[in-house]
Amino acid sequence: MAQAFSPPPVPFVRPVGRRHNPANVAGMALIFLGFFVFMFGTLVAAVTEIVHPILMAVLGFGLMFGGGAVFAMADSGTKPSVPPPPPAMPPPPGSTPAPRGAIEIPCPNCGAPPQGIDRFGVATCPYCQTRYLVR
């Protein structure tokens, strides 16, 4: 007997809030409006001679500046979800503190001190030519 295929149930997904902040939409609209006024308003003003083209250019720049200001003042509305750092733990009682300063790591093969450490922290033993990491 064959069984009918049934797709797995789809879990309920909570709908999210608004996708776009209205202040961001208004800022973008002002920037586009200012751009079009600057580009085409000056052309229309020059052809029709109703308004001076420089006045239209200043109006276009003002609208773009206003749109940028609206963008700058708009809050995204989301708070960063970064958890606070964990509290600093004191060392357990009776433990010895870590040594300060540089420590010398001897060659794991013969015990000689490291010489010729390259920029990646790999040392070459001058006696047995063993390469090992000292960082």
C-alpha atoms as a PDB file:
ATOM      1  CA  MET A   1       0.000   0.000   0.000  1.00  0.00           C
ATOM      2  CA  ALA A   2       1.510   3.366  -1.011  1.00  0.00           C
ATOM      3  CA  GLN A   3       1.357   6.318   1.304  1.00  0.00           C
ATOM      4  CA  ALA A   4       0.475   9.770   0.068  1.00  0.00           C
ATOM      5  CA  PHE A   5       3.194  12.416   0.335  1.00  0.00           C
ATOM      6  CA  SER A   6       2.359  15.215   2.721  1.00  0.00           C
ATOM      7  CA  PRO A   7       4.716  18.181   3.073  1.00  0.00           C
ATOM      8  CA  PRO A   8       5.999  18.976   6.537  1.00  0.00           C
ATOM      9  CA  PRO A   9       3.955  21.507   8.490  1.00  0.00           C
ATOM     10  CA  VAL A  10       5.054  25.116   8.158  1.00  0.00           C
ATOM     11  CA  PRO A  11       5.800  26.747  11.516  1.00  0.00           C
ATOM     12  CA  PHE A  12       4.105  30.009  12.414  1.00  0.00           C
ATOM     13  CA  VAL A  13       6.363  32.955  11.776  1.00  0.00           C
ATOM     14  CA  ARG A  14       5.649  36.151  13.638  1.00  0.00           C
ATOM     15  CA  PRO A  15       5.246  39.084  11.238  1.00  0.00           C
ATOM     16  CA  VAL A  16       7.895  41.742  11.529  1.00  0.00           C
ATOM     17  CA  GLY A  17       7.254  45.443  11.919  1.00  0.00           C
ATOM     18  CA  ARG A  18       7.522  48.067   9.217  1.00  0.00           C
ATOM     19  CA  ARG A  19      10.114  47.333   6.627  1.00  0.00           C
ATOM     20  CA  HIS A  20      11.116  50.957   6.068  1.00  0.00           C
ATOM     21  CA  ASN A  21      11.311  53.832   8.481  1.00  0.00           C
ATOM     22  CA  PRO A  22       9.004  56.648   7.235  1.00  0.00           C
ATOM     23  CA  ALA A  23      11.693  59.258   7.964  1.00  0.00           C
ATOM     24  CA  ASN A  24      14.131  57.415   5.694  1.00  0.00           C
ATOM     25  CA  VAL A  25      11.522  57.286   2.933  1.00  0.00           C
ATOM     26  CA  ALA A  26      10.855  61.020   3.299  1.00  0.00           C
ATOM     27  CA  GLY A  27      14.582  61.786   3.245  1.00  0.00           C
ATOM     28  CA  MET A  28      15.071  59.760   0.075  1.00  0.00           C
ATOM     29  CA  ALA A  29      12.085  61.457  -1.556  1.00  0.00           C
ATOM     30  CA  LEU A  30      13.494  64.898  -0.735  1.00  0.00           C
ATOM     31  CA  ILE A  31      16.895  63.981  -2.148  1.00  0.00           C
ATOM     32  CA  PHE A  32      15.389  62.710  -5.406  1.00  0.00           C
ATOM     33  CA  LEU A  33      13.090  65.721  -5.660  1.00  0.00           C
ATOM     34  CA  GLY A  34      16.021  68.062  -5.091  1.00  0.00           C
ATOM     35  CA  PHE A  35      18.068  66.262  -7.731  1.00  0.00           C
ATOM     36  CA  PHE A  36      15.316  66.546 -10.320  1.00  0.00           C
ATOM     37  CA  VAL A  37      14.684  70.204  -9.471  1.00  0.00           C
ATOM     38  CA  PHE A  38      18.394  70.903  -9.804  1.00  0.00           C
ATOM     39  CA  MET A  39      18.767  69.027 -13.100  1.00  0.00           C
ATOM     40  CA  PHE A  40      15.532  69.776 -14.904  1.00  0.00           C
ATOM     41  CA  GLY A  41      14.244  72.855 -13.058  1.00  0.00           C
ATOM     42  CA  THR A  42      17.249  74.876 -14.144  1.00  0.00           C
ATOM     43  CA  LEU A  43      16.673  73.780 -17.737  1.00  0.00           C
ATOM     44  CA  VAL A  44      12.985  74.713 -17.617  1.00  0.00           C
ATOM     45  CA  ALA A  45      13.793  78.007 -15.913  1.00  0.00           C
ATOM     46  CA  ALA A  46      16.384  78.835 -18.565  1.00  0.00           C
ATOM     47  CA  VAL A  47      13.974  78.071 -21.425  1.00  0.00           C
ATOM     48  CA  THR A  48      10.853  79.740 -20.014  1.00  0.00           C
ATOM     49  CA  GLU A  49      12.675  82.645 -18.275  1.00  0.00           C
ATOM     50  CA  ILE A  50       9.996  82.728 -15.561  1.00  0.00           C
ATOM     51  CA  VAL A  51      12.472  82.135 -12.730  1.00  0.00           C
ATOM     52  CA  HIS A  52      16.222  82.611 -12.824  1.00  0.00           C
ATOM     53  CA  PRO A  53      18.060  79.270 -13.303  1.00  0.00           C
ATOM     54  CA  ILE A  54      20.379  79.966 -10.350  1.00  0.00           C
ATOM     55  CA  LEU A  55      17.333  80.241  -8.080  1.00  0.00           C
ATOM     56  CA  MET A  56      16.172  76.795  -9.243  1.00  0.00           C
ATOM     57  CA  ALA A  57      19.656  75.360  -8.665  1.00  0.00           C
ATOM     58  CA  VAL A  58      19.706  76.766  -5.124  1.00  0.00           C
ATOM     59  CA  LEU A  59      16.222  75.335  -4.512  1.00  0.00           C
ATOM     60  CA  GLY A  60      17.383  71.905  -5.756  1.00  0.00           C
ATOM     61  CA  PHE A  61      20.457  71.983  -3.523  1.00  0.00           C
ATOM     62  CA  GLY A  62      18.304  73.056  -0.593  1.00  0.00           C
ATOM     63  CA  LEU A  63      15.936  70.135  -1.106  1.00  0.00           C
ATOM     64  CA  MET A  64      18.844  67.686  -1.332  1.00  0.00           C
ATOM     65  CA  PHE A  65      20.378  69.194   1.809  1.00  0.00           C
ATOM     66  CA  GLY A  66      17.028  68.919   3.616  1.00  0.00           C
ATOM     67  CA  GLY A  67      16.705  65.269   2.577  1.00  0.00           C
ATOM     68  CA  GLY A  68      20.169  64.566   3.917  1.00  0.00           C
ATOM     69  CA  ALA A  69      19.256  66.260   7.199  1.00  0.00           C
ATOM     70  CA  VAL A  70      16.098  64.127   7.490  1.00  0.00           C
ATOM     71  CA  PHE A  71      18.231  61.025   6.884  1.00  0.00           C
ATOM     72  CA  ALA A  72      20.703  62.119   9.539  1.00  0.00           C
ATOM     73  CA  MET A  73      18.004  62.703  12.150  1.00  0.00           C
ATOM     74  CA  ALA A  74      16.089  59.501  11.378  1.00  0.00           C
ATOM     75  CA  ASP A  75      16.506  56.765  13.953  1.00  0.00           C
ATOM     76  CA  SER A  76      16.515  53.191  12.739  1.00  0.00           C
ATOM     77  CA  GLY A  77      14.386  52.254  15.731  1.00  0.00           C
ATOM     78  CA  THR A  78      16.328  49.094  16.449  1.00  0.00           C
ATOM     79  CA  LYS A  79      18.593  48.815  19.398  1.00  0.00           C
ATOM     80  CA  PRO A  80      21.768  46.787  19.035  1.00  0.00           C
ATOM     81  CA  SER A  81      21.314  43.354  20.534  1.00  0.00           C
ATOM     82  CA  VAL A  82      24.861  43.014  21.803  1.00  0.00           C
ATOM     83  CA  PRO A  83      24.934  41.412  25.220  1.00  0.00           C
ATOM     84  CA  PRO A  84      27.059  43.070  27.896  1.00  0.00           C
ATOM     85  CA  PRO A  85      30.540  41.648  28.375  1.00  0.00           C
ATOM     86  CA  PRO A  86      30.916  39.028  31.077  1.00  0.00           C
ATOM     87  CA  PRO A  87      32.189  40.228  34.442  1.00  0.00           C
ATOM     88  CA  ALA A  88      35.914  39.920  35.123  1.00  0.00           C
ATOM     89  CA  MET A  89      36.629  36.898  37.234  1.00  0.00           C
ATOM     90  CA  PRO A  90      39.303  37.171  39.938  1.00  0.00           C
ATOM     91  CA  PRO A  91      41.984  34.477  39.900  1.00  0.00           C
ATOM     92  CA  PRO A  92      41.251  31.525  42.141  1.00  0.00           C
ATOM     93  CA  PRO A  93      42.883  31.721  45.582  1.00  0.00           C
ATOM     94  CA  GLY A  94      46.253  30.040  45.822  1.00  0.00           C
ATOM     95  CA  SER A  95      47.066  30.298  42.094  1.00  0.00           C
ATOM     96  CA  THR A  96      50.315  31.804  40.893  1.00  0.00           C
ATOM     97  CA  PRO A  97      50.049  34.847  38.620  1.00  0.00           C
ATOM     98  CA  ALA A  98      51.136  34.560  35.003  1.00  0.00           C
ATOM     99  CA  PRO A  99      54.723  35.663  34.361  1.00  0.00           C
ATOM    100  CA  ARG A 100      55.136  39.154  32.901  1.00  0.00           C
ATOM    101  CA  GLY A 101      57.372  39.924  29.946  1.00  0.00           C
ATOM    102  CA  ALA A 102      58.920  37.646  27.347  1.00  0.00           C
ATOM    103  CA  ILE A 103      59.566  34.008  28.064  1.00  0.00           C
ATOM    104  CA  GLU A 104      61.984  31.837  26.154  1.00  0.00           C
ATOM    105  CA  ILE A 105      60.563  28.739  24.495  1.00  0.00           C
ATOM    106  CA  PRO A 106      63.344  26.163  23.988  1.00  0.00           C
ATOM    107  CA  CYS A 107      63.578  23.822  21.025  1.00  0.00           C
ATOM    108  CA  PRO A 108      61.248  20.859  21.575  1.00  0.00           C
ATOM    109  CA  ASN A 109      63.840  18.517  20.025  1.00  0.00           C
ATOM    110  CA  CYS A 110      67.132  19.451  21.734  1.00  0.00           C
ATOM    111  CA  GLY A 111      66.282  22.242  24.230  1.00  0.00           C
ATOM    112  CA  ALA A 112      68.445  24.961  22.616  1.00  0.00           C
ATOM    113  CA  PRO A 113      67.288  28.612  22.819  1.00  0.00           C
ATOM    114  CA  PRO A 114      65.437  29.961  19.744  1.00  0.00           C
ATOM    115  CA  GLN A 115      67.289  32.064  17.187  1.00  0.00           C
ATOM    116  CA  GLY A 116      66.177  33.519  13.869  1.00  0.00           C
ATOM    117  CA  ILE A 117      62.462  33.975  14.555  1.00  0.00           C
ATOM    118  CA  ASP A 118      60.639  35.046  11.389  1.00  0.00           C
ATOM    119  CA  ARG A 119      57.635  37.396  11.165  1.00  0.00           C
ATOM    120  CA  PHE A 120      55.158  34.540  11.589  1.00  0.00           C
ATOM    121  CA  GLY A 121      56.693  33.436  14.907  1.00  0.00           C
ATOM    122  CA  VAL A 122      58.438  30.344  13.538  1.00  0.00           C
ATOM    123  CA  ALA A 123      61.907  29.775  14.981  1.00  0.00           C
ATOM    124  CA  THR A 124      64.625  27.568  13.528  1.00  0.00           C
ATOM    125  CA  CYS A 125      66.925  25.750  15.955  1.00  0.00           C
ATOM    126  CA  PRO A 126      70.576  26.539  15.140  1.00  0.00           C
ATOM    127  CA  TYR A 127      71.714  23.054  16.236  1.00  0.00           C
ATOM    128  CA  CYS A 128      69.205  20.524  14.942  1.00  0.00           C
ATOM    129  CA  GLN A 129      67.427  22.733  12.305  1.00  0.00           C
ATOM    130  CA  THR A 130      63.986  21.991  13.805  1.00  0.00           C
ATOM    131  CA  ARG A 131      61.335  24.578  12.999  1.00  0.00           C
ATOM    132  CA  TYR A 132      58.764  25.336  15.724  1.00  0.00           C
ATOM    133  CA  LEU A 133      56.202  27.984  16.655  1.00  0.00           C
ATOM    134  CA  VAL A 134      57.172  30.331  19.482  1.00  0.00           C
ATOM    135  CA  ARG A 135      54.073  32.557  19.689  1.00  0.00           C
END
